[in-house]
Structures are given as structure tokens and as C-alpha cells.
Protein backbone atom coordinates (compact mmCIF):
# COMPACT_ATOMS: atom_id res chain seq x y z
CA MET A 1 0.26 17.32 -13.43
CA SER A 2 -3.10 18.04 -11.83
CA LEU A 3 -3.35 16.19 -8.54
CA GLY A 4 -5.83 18.22 -6.52
CA VAL A 5 -3.73 18.09 -3.37
CA THR A 6 -5.23 21.26 -1.93
CA GLN A 7 -8.69 19.73 -1.46
CA PRO A 8 -9.57 18.17 1.92
CA LEU A 9 -9.20 14.42 2.18
CA PRO A 10 -12.42 12.39 2.15
CA ARG A 11 -13.46 10.56 5.31
CA GLU A 12 -14.62 6.96 5.61
CA SER A 13 -18.26 8.06 5.75
CA ASN A 14 -19.76 4.65 4.98
CA LEU A 15 -18.73 1.14 4.04
CA ASP A 16 -20.28 1.37 0.57
CA GLU A 17 -17.57 3.83 -0.51
CA LEU A 18 -14.68 2.73 1.68
CA ALA A 19 -12.52 1.21 -1.09
CA GLU A 20 -12.79 4.33 -3.24
CA THR A 21 -12.05 6.51 -0.22
CA ILE A 22 -8.92 4.51 0.63
CA GLY A 23 -7.71 4.80 -2.96
CA GLU A 24 -8.27 8.55 -2.86
CA TRP A 25 -6.30 8.84 0.38
CA GLN A 26 -3.36 6.99 -1.18
CA HIS A 27 -3.51 9.13 -4.33
CA ARG A 28 -3.49 12.38 -2.31
CA TRP A 29 -0.73 11.31 0.08
CA THR A 30 1.50 10.20 -2.79
CA ALA A 31 1.24 13.69 -4.26
CA LEU A 32 1.63 15.41 -0.89
CA TRP A 33 4.79 13.52 0.04
CA HIS A 34 6.46 14.19 -3.29
CA GLY A 35 5.58 17.86 -3.15
CA GLU A 36 6.33 18.30 0.58
CA HIS A 37 2.96 19.98 1.14
CA ASP A 38 1.27 20.18 4.53
CA ASN A 39 0.59 16.60 5.59
CA ARG A 40 -1.04 16.38 8.99
CA PHE A 41 -1.41 12.93 10.51
CA PRO A 42 -4.92 11.48 9.94
CA SER A 43 -7.30 11.65 12.89
CA THR A 44 -9.45 8.56 12.26
CA ASP A 45 -8.27 5.04 13.02
CA MET A 46 -8.69 3.56 9.53
CA ALA A 47 -7.08 6.57 7.84
CA ARG A 48 -4.14 6.42 10.26
CA ARG A 49 -3.53 2.73 9.50
CA VAL A 50 -3.78 3.26 5.73
CA TRP A 51 -1.46 6.29 6.06
CA GLU A 52 1.18 4.28 7.95
CA GLN A 53 1.06 1.36 5.53
CA HIS A 54 1.15 3.55 2.42
CA ARG A 55 4.07 5.53 3.83
CA ARG A 56 6.15 2.34 4.11
CA ASN A 57 5.51 1.55 0.45
CA PHE A 58 6.39 5.15 -0.47
CA ASP A 59 9.69 4.94 1.42
CA LEU A 60 10.42 1.46 0.03
CA TRP A 61 9.92 2.70 -3.53
CA HIS A 62 12.54 5.40 -3.15
CA GLU A 63 15.02 3.20 -1.30
CA GLU A 64 14.77 0.65 -4.12
CA ASP A 65 15.65 3.44 -6.57
CA LYS A 66 18.77 4.27 -4.55
CA ALA A 67 19.95 0.65 -4.64
CA ARG A 68 19.98 0.77 -8.44
CA LYS A 69 22.13 3.85 -8.92
CA PRO A 70 24.90 2.87 -11.36
CA ASN A 71 27.55 4.62 -9.23
CA ALA A 72 26.34 3.31 -5.84
CA THR A 73 29.15 1.89 -3.72
CA ASP A 74 28.99 -1.52 -2.07
CA ALA A 75 28.64 0.18 1.31
CA GLU A 76 25.75 2.32 0.07
CA ILE A 77 23.95 -0.71 -1.40
CA ALA A 78 24.42 -2.67 1.84
CA ALA A 79 22.99 0.23 3.89
CA VAL A 80 20.04 0.59 1.54
CA LYS A 81 19.39 -3.17 1.63
CA ARG A 82 19.20 -3.12 5.43
CA LYS A 83 16.81 -0.18 5.32
CA ILE A 84 14.67 -1.98 2.72
CA ASP A 85 14.49 -5.07 4.94
CA LYS A 86 13.36 -2.96 7.89
CA LEU A 87 10.75 -1.08 5.86
CA ASN A 88 9.44 -4.26 4.28
CA GLN A 89 9.03 -5.86 7.70
CA GLU A 90 7.08 -2.82 8.89
CA ARG A 91 5.01 -2.84 5.69
CA ASN A 92 3.94 -6.44 6.26
CA ASN A 93 3.21 -5.81 9.93
CA LEU A 94 1.00 -2.89 8.95
CA ILE A 95 -0.96 -5.04 6.49
CA GLU A 96 -1.88 -7.16 9.50
CA THR A 97 -2.95 -4.09 11.50
CA LEU A 98 -5.29 -3.13 8.64
CA ASP A 99 -6.85 -6.59 8.79
CA GLU A 100 -7.15 -6.29 12.57
CA ALA A 101 -9.08 -3.05 12.05
CA PHE A 102 -11.53 -4.77 9.70
CA LEU A 103 -12.01 -7.63 12.16
CA THR A 104 -12.70 -5.11 14.92
CA MET A 105 -15.28 -3.37 12.73
CA LEU A 106 -17.00 -6.71 12.06
CA VAL A 107 -17.16 -7.47 15.78
CA GLN A 108 -18.46 -3.98 16.59
CA ARG A 109 -21.25 -4.43 14.05
CA HIS A 110 -22.03 -7.94 15.37
CA VAL A 111 -21.45 -9.48 11.93
CA LEU A 112 -21.25 -13.25 12.21
CA ALA A 113 -20.87 -15.29 9.03
CA ALA A 114 -22.31 -18.78 8.75
CA PRO A 115 -19.89 -21.64 9.58
CA ASP A 116 -19.91 -22.76 5.95
CA ALA A 117 -19.33 -19.26 4.53
CA PRO A 118 -16.21 -19.21 2.31
CA TRP A 119 -12.89 -17.61 3.17
CA ASN A 120 -11.31 -15.12 0.82
CA SER A 121 -7.77 -16.02 -0.26
CA GLU A 122 -6.74 -12.35 -0.04
CA THR A 123 -7.49 -10.11 2.91
CA PRO A 124 -8.60 -6.45 2.77
CA GLY A 125 -5.18 -5.42 4.09
CA SER A 126 -3.32 -7.20 1.31
CA ILE A 127 -5.55 -5.61 -1.35
CA ILE A 128 -4.97 -2.18 0.22
CA ASP A 129 -1.23 -2.86 0.01
CA ARG A 130 -1.56 -3.64 -3.72
CA LEU A 131 -3.59 -0.46 -4.23
CA SER A 132 -0.86 1.48 -2.44
CA ILE A 133 1.79 0.18 -4.85
CA LEU A 134 -0.45 0.91 -7.85
CA SER A 135 -0.89 4.47 -6.61
CA LEU A 136 2.89 4.90 -6.63
CA LYS A 137 3.20 3.31 -10.08
CA VAL A 138 0.56 5.65 -11.52
CA TYR A 139 2.26 8.71 -10.03
CA HIS A 140 5.73 7.84 -11.28
CA MET A 141 4.48 6.79 -14.74
CA GLN A 142 2.73 10.16 -14.95
CA GLU A 143 6.06 11.80 -14.08
CA GLN A 144 7.67 9.99 -17.01
CA GLU A 145 4.78 10.97 -19.28
CA ASP A 146 5.36 14.63 -18.36
CA ARG A 147 9.16 14.65 -18.76
CA ALA A 148 10.23 17.61 -20.91
CA ASP A 149 13.67 16.05 -21.57
CA ALA A 150 12.26 12.73 -22.86
CA SER A 151 11.36 11.82 -26.43
CA GLU A 152 7.80 11.89 -27.70
CA GLU A 153 7.99 8.10 -28.13
CA HIS A 154 8.99 7.66 -24.48
CA ARG A 155 6.16 9.89 -23.28
CA GLU A 156 3.57 8.10 -25.43
CA LYS A 157 4.68 4.68 -24.17
CA CYS A 158 4.45 5.91 -20.58
CA LYS A 159 1.01 7.37 -21.23
CA ALA A 160 -0.21 3.98 -22.48
CA LYS A 161 1.29 2.24 -19.45
CA ARG A 162 -0.23 4.79 -17.06
CA THR A 163 -3.65 4.27 -18.66
CA THR A 164 -3.32 0.51 -18.12
CA LEU A 165 -2.26 1.05 -14.51
CA GLU A 166 -5.29 3.31 -13.93
CA HIS A 167 -7.58 0.56 -15.26
CA GLN A 168 -5.90 -2.00 -13.01
CA ARG A 169 -6.27 0.33 -10.04
CA GLY A 170 -9.96 0.76 -10.82
CA ASP A 171 -10.47 -3.01 -11.08
CA LEU A 172 -8.67 -3.62 -7.79
CA THR A 173 -10.71 -0.90 -6.07
CA CYS A 174 -13.89 -2.69 -7.18
CA ALA A 175 -12.49 -6.01 -5.94
CA LEU A 176 -11.77 -4.50 -2.53
CA GLN A 177 -15.25 -3.01 -2.30
CA ASP A 178 -16.81 -6.33 -3.31
CA LEU A 179 -14.86 -8.08 -0.54
CA ILE A 180 -15.86 -5.45 2.03
CA ASN A 181 -19.50 -5.85 1.00
CA ASP A 182 -19.27 -9.66 1.28
CA LEU A 183 -17.61 -9.50 4.69
CA PHE A 184 -20.07 -7.06 6.22
CA SER A 185 -23.09 -8.87 4.75
CA ALA A 186 -21.74 -12.13 6.28
CA LYS A 187 -21.35 -13.78 2.87
CA LYS A 188 -17.66 -14.42 3.55
CA LYS A 189 -15.58 -15.07 6.64
CA MET A 190 -12.34 -13.31 7.49
CA LYS A 191 -9.20 -14.19 9.35
CA ILE A 192 -5.75 -12.62 9.59
CA TYR A 193 -3.08 -14.49 7.67
CA ARG A 194 0.13 -13.91 9.61
CA GLN A 195 3.28 -13.31 7.57
CA PHE A 196 5.87 -14.55 10.10
CA LYS A 197 8.76 -13.04 8.15
CA MET A 198 11.93 -14.86 9.19
CA TYR A 199 14.77 -12.91 7.61
CA ASN A 200 14.82 -10.08 10.17
CA ASP A 201 14.49 -12.34 13.22
CA PRO A 202 17.90 -13.08 14.78
CA ASN A 203 16.53 -16.34 16.16
CA LEU A 204 15.15 -17.58 12.82
CA ASN A 205 17.64 -16.42 10.19
CA PRO A 206 20.59 -18.89 10.20
CA GLU A 207 22.93 -16.29 8.68
CA ILE A 208 22.37 -14.22 11.82
CA TYR A 209 22.30 -16.77 14.63
CA LYS A 210 25.16 -18.84 13.19
CA ASN A 211 27.38 -15.79 12.85
CA LYS A 212 26.85 -14.13 16.22
CA THR A 213 30.06 -12.87 17.78
């Protein structure tokens, strides 16, 4: 599997290439974390936020795998479920921090959309989250495609699926760049859509506050 992990990571040099740059970061980090290569924390603000958010999806992916082990005990599944809940809460919080970064960039550039400019139903942060998950899907489908112990039929099916995932990732990268272009040319307005996840909040989840000792 050729992943090019030894090359330096690209920087967010300009807005016209930001979506592609973010996708490349996610691709590189996915490979780095699986291979345990040197992985220094990013120095720029946007890269740091993308790194944090992608790491939560990476950790979630592997915790979900653990929960599905056929020989997992009830105690192991319960522990994994709690860890998944924590990671998923952090993942959603970090989507919001990505959107906060884009709003800050718009303010810094004095971009002000017209009052009647349309909203986008999906924010940049939520698209980046979807790209993150696609990066993980592509990597793990490639792993299956390369399995020496699998049948030729299995590998061919995984190759076809990986090709489809790559196309989807390319389409979503274009969609993110289109949204970035529309936001920074004031063609669309942006706001942060808060998640307000309730299941982890002891004051909002009735199974927690009704069963306090």
C-alpha cells in the first residue's frame, strides 16, 4: 500500500485549495496513526482543529470494532460503549470548533453576506467530519483489498468498493470547496448549528438523573 507518509504535510496556503488540503491531511494522518510513524502535532490553527476532529473519528472506528468482537464479554462491551459515547461527544464538539474557525476567518476577512443570502444546510465542519470518515473507509477497504489471506473474489469486491469510496470522497471534497468559495465570496451565510447532545449530560438524560444514588 503506497501512502506517501514520509512527505511533508501540505499547509493551508490559500482558500482555493483548502478542501483538498484538508483531505490530504486526513489521508496522511490515517496512514501515520496506523503505522505509528512520527506524528507531531500540527502548528497551524486549522490543521490542529482538523487533526483533533479526525483523531476522534479514528479512535471511534477502532472502538466500534472492539464492540463487535464475537467473544467480547458484557463488561467489555459496556466499557467500550462508554468510551464510544465520550469520543462521539468530543467528535461533535470538535465539529463546532471547526465551524467557529471558519466564522473567525470570515470576520477577519471582513466578509459580510447580504441579508437575503441563503444559508447552507450543512456546515464546513460537518462536511469535514464526513470526509474524515470517508478517509478511514478508504484506508480500511484498501487493507481488505491487499489481504494475502483473502480470496480473489473478496479482494476484487473490496477494490470496487474502494474505487466507489474514492469517487465519493472526491465529490465531497468538491462540495466542501464550493461551500468555502460561496462563504468567502459572500454568496452564502454561515452559522454554527449546535448539537446539544443530551445522552452524556447527567441533567438531561433521564436514565442518569432518575437513577442517581
